[in-house]
Amino acid sequence: MVNKIPDRVVIYTKDIQNILGKSPRSAGKYMLKLRKILEKEEEEFVTVDEFCMITGVPLELVKGFL
């Protein structure tokens, strides 16, 4: 029996670097901006769906980077 690893639901700063081509520092600032827009606390996660909704990057493209 083959166990399939489920798709990731959380996006990290490193993912933002890769997807948007930002430096580590800029990606961190962008993550803070996303959390502010979503009214999330620092310890709360940003989901892939939320990232796609705010940036307008299609989910299928983002999945290719995860």
N, C-alpha and C. Protein backbone atom coordinates (compact mmCIF):
# COMPACT_ATOMS: atom_id res chain seq x y z
N MET A 1 0.83 -1.17 0.00
CA MET A 1 0.00 0.00 0.00
C MET A 1 0.88 1.24 0.00
N VAL A 2 0.61 2.18 -0.90
CA VAL A 2 1.41 3.39 -1.02
C VAL A 2 0.69 4.53 -0.31
N ASN A 3 1.40 5.17 0.61
CA ASN A 3 0.83 6.32 1.31
C ASN A 3 1.20 7.59 0.56
N LYS A 4 0.18 8.36 0.18
CA LYS A 4 0.41 9.61 -0.52
C LYS A 4 0.56 10.72 0.50
N ILE A 5 1.59 11.52 0.34
CA ILE A 5 1.79 12.65 1.22
C ILE A 5 0.83 13.75 0.79
N PRO A 6 0.03 14.27 1.71
CA PRO A 6 -0.94 15.31 1.32
C PRO A 6 -0.24 16.62 0.95
N ASP A 7 -0.93 17.43 0.13
CA ASP A 7 -0.40 18.74 -0.24
C ASP A 7 -0.29 19.61 1.00
N ARG A 8 0.70 20.47 0.98
CA ARG A 8 0.91 21.37 2.10
C ARG A 8 -0.15 22.46 2.08
N VAL A 9 -0.62 22.88 3.24
CA VAL A 9 -1.64 23.91 3.32
C VAL A 9 -1.08 25.24 3.83
N VAL A 10 0.12 25.21 4.36
CA VAL A 10 0.73 26.41 4.94
C VAL A 10 1.85 26.90 4.05
N ILE A 11 1.96 28.22 3.94
CA ILE A 11 3.04 28.80 3.15
C ILE A 11 4.05 29.43 4.09
N TYR A 12 5.33 29.29 3.77
CA TYR A 12 6.41 29.81 4.59
C TYR A 12 7.17 30.90 3.83
N THR A 13 8.00 31.61 4.58
CA THR A 13 8.77 32.71 3.99
C THR A 13 9.66 32.21 2.85
N LYS A 14 10.24 31.04 3.00
CA LYS A 14 11.08 30.47 1.94
C LYS A 14 10.28 30.23 0.67
N ASP A 15 9.02 29.83 0.81
CA ASP A 15 8.15 29.64 -0.34
C ASP A 15 7.91 30.98 -1.05
N ILE A 16 7.68 32.03 -0.26
CA ILE A 16 7.46 33.36 -0.85
C ILE A 16 8.70 33.80 -1.62
N GLN A 17 9.87 33.51 -1.08
CA GLN A 17 11.12 33.81 -1.79
C GLN A 17 11.13 33.16 -3.16
N ASN A 18 10.82 31.87 -3.19
CA ASN A 18 10.88 31.11 -4.44
C ASN A 18 9.79 31.53 -5.42
N ILE A 19 8.58 31.73 -4.93
CA ILE A 19 7.45 32.03 -5.81
C ILE A 19 7.56 33.43 -6.40
N LEU A 20 7.87 34.41 -5.55
CA LEU A 20 7.87 35.81 -5.99
C LEU A 20 9.27 36.34 -6.35
N GLY A 21 10.30 35.53 -6.12
CA GLY A 21 11.66 35.96 -6.46
C GLY A 21 12.17 37.07 -5.56
N LYS A 22 11.79 37.04 -4.29
CA LYS A 22 12.20 38.07 -3.34
C LYS A 22 13.40 37.60 -2.53
N SER A 23 14.12 38.57 -1.96
CA SER A 23 15.22 38.26 -1.06
C SER A 23 14.64 37.73 0.25
N PRO A 24 15.46 37.08 1.08
CA PRO A 24 14.93 36.57 2.36
C PRO A 24 14.30 37.68 3.22
N ARG A 25 14.94 38.82 3.26
CA ARG A 25 14.42 39.93 4.07
C ARG A 25 13.09 40.45 3.50
N SER A 26 13.03 40.62 2.19
CA SER A 26 11.80 41.11 1.55
C SER A 26 10.67 40.10 1.70
N ALA A 27 10.99 38.82 1.62
CA ALA A 27 9.97 37.78 1.79
C ALA A 27 9.42 37.81 3.21
N GLY A 28 10.27 38.05 4.19
CA GLY A 28 9.83 38.15 5.58
C GLY A 28 8.91 39.35 5.78
N LYS A 29 9.27 40.46 5.18
CA LYS A 29 8.42 41.66 5.26
C LYS A 29 7.09 41.41 4.57
N TYR A 30 7.12 40.70 3.46
CA TYR A 30 5.89 40.39 2.74
C TYR A 30 4.98 39.48 3.57
N MET A 31 5.59 38.54 4.27
CA MET A 31 4.81 37.65 5.14
C MET A 31 4.13 38.46 6.24
N LEU A 32 4.84 39.42 6.82
CA LEU A 32 4.24 40.30 7.83
C LEU A 32 3.08 41.09 7.25
N LYS A 33 3.25 41.56 6.02
CA LYS A 33 2.19 42.30 5.33
C LYS A 33 0.96 41.41 5.12
N LEU A 34 1.18 40.17 4.72
CA LEU A 34 0.08 39.23 4.52
C LEU A 34 -0.68 39.01 5.83
N ARG A 35 0.08 38.80 6.92
CA ARG A 35 -0.56 38.58 8.22
C ARG A 35 -1.38 39.80 8.65
N LYS A 36 -0.86 40.99 8.36
CA LYS A 36 -1.58 42.21 8.73
C LYS A 36 -2.89 42.31 7.93
N ILE A 37 -2.82 42.06 6.63
CA ILE A 37 -4.02 42.10 5.79
C ILE A 37 -5.05 41.08 6.27
N LEU A 38 -4.57 39.90 6.65
CA LEU A 38 -5.46 38.82 7.09
C LEU A 38 -5.84 38.93 8.57
N GLU A 39 -5.31 39.95 9.24
CA GLU A 39 -5.56 40.17 10.66
C GLU A 39 -5.20 38.94 11.49
N LYS A 40 -4.00 38.43 11.24
CA LYS A 40 -3.50 37.25 11.96
C LYS A 40 -2.39 37.66 12.91
N GLU A 41 -2.27 36.90 13.98
CA GLU A 41 -1.19 37.12 14.93
C GLU A 41 0.11 36.54 14.36
N GLU A 42 1.23 36.90 14.98
CA GLU A 42 2.53 36.46 14.50
C GLU A 42 2.68 34.94 14.49
N GLU A 43 2.05 34.27 15.46
CA GLU A 43 2.20 32.82 15.55
C GLU A 43 1.20 32.04 14.69
N GLU A 44 0.28 32.74 14.04
CA GLU A 44 -0.70 32.08 13.17
C GLU A 44 -0.13 31.87 11.77
N PHE A 45 -0.52 30.79 11.15
CA PHE A 45 -0.04 30.45 9.83
C PHE A 45 -0.85 31.14 8.73
N VAL A 46 -0.20 31.36 7.60
CA VAL A 46 -0.87 31.83 6.39
C VAL A 46 -1.02 30.62 5.48
N THR A 47 -2.24 30.37 5.02
CA THR A 47 -2.46 29.21 4.18
C THR A 47 -2.14 29.52 2.72
N VAL A 48 -1.96 28.48 1.95
CA VAL A 48 -1.69 28.63 0.53
C VAL A 48 -2.87 29.31 -0.16
N ASP A 49 -4.08 28.94 0.22
CA ASP A 49 -5.28 29.56 -0.37
C ASP A 49 -5.34 31.05 -0.08
N GLU A 50 -5.01 31.44 1.15
CA GLU A 50 -5.00 32.86 1.51
C GLU A 50 -3.94 33.61 0.71
N PHE A 51 -2.77 33.00 0.56
CA PHE A 51 -1.68 33.60 -0.21
C PHE A 51 -2.13 33.84 -1.65
N CYS A 52 -2.77 32.84 -2.24
CA CYS A 52 -3.23 32.95 -3.63
C CYS A 52 -4.31 34.02 -3.77
N MET A 53 -5.21 34.08 -2.80
CA MET A 53 -6.29 35.05 -2.83
C MET A 53 -5.73 36.48 -2.81
N ILE A 54 -4.72 36.73 -1.98
CA ILE A 54 -4.19 38.08 -1.84
C ILE A 54 -3.25 38.45 -2.98
N THR A 55 -2.41 37.53 -3.40
CA THR A 55 -1.42 37.86 -4.44
C THR A 55 -1.99 37.74 -5.85
N GLY A 56 -3.02 36.92 -6.02
CA GLY A 56 -3.57 36.71 -7.35
C GLY A 56 -2.80 35.68 -8.16
N VAL A 57 -1.83 35.03 -7.53
CA VAL A 57 -1.07 33.97 -8.20
C VAL A 57 -1.94 32.72 -8.19
N PRO A 58 -2.14 32.09 -9.35
CA PRO A 58 -3.00 30.90 -9.41
C PRO A 58 -2.46 29.75 -8.54
N LEU A 59 -3.39 29.05 -7.92
CA LEU A 59 -3.04 27.93 -7.04
C LEU A 59 -2.18 26.89 -7.74
N GLU A 60 -2.48 26.60 -8.99
CA GLU A 60 -1.72 25.58 -9.73
C GLU A 60 -0.24 25.97 -9.87
N LEU A 61 0.03 27.25 -10.06
CA LEU A 61 1.42 27.70 -10.14
C LEU A 61 2.12 27.59 -8.79
N VAL A 62 1.42 27.96 -7.74
CA VAL A 62 1.99 27.92 -6.40
C VAL A 62 2.31 26.48 -6.01
N LYS A 63 1.42 25.55 -6.32
CA LYS A 63 1.64 24.14 -5.99
C LYS A 63 2.93 23.60 -6.60
N GLY A 64 3.31 24.14 -7.75
CA GLY A 64 4.55 23.72 -8.40
C GLY A 64 5.80 24.08 -7.61
N PHE A 65 5.69 25.06 -6.73
CA PHE A 65 6.83 25.49 -5.92
C PHE A 65 6.88 24.81 -4.56
N LEU A 66 5.81 24.14 -4.16
CA LEU A 66 5.77 23.55 -2.82
C LEU A 66 6.25 22.12 -2.82
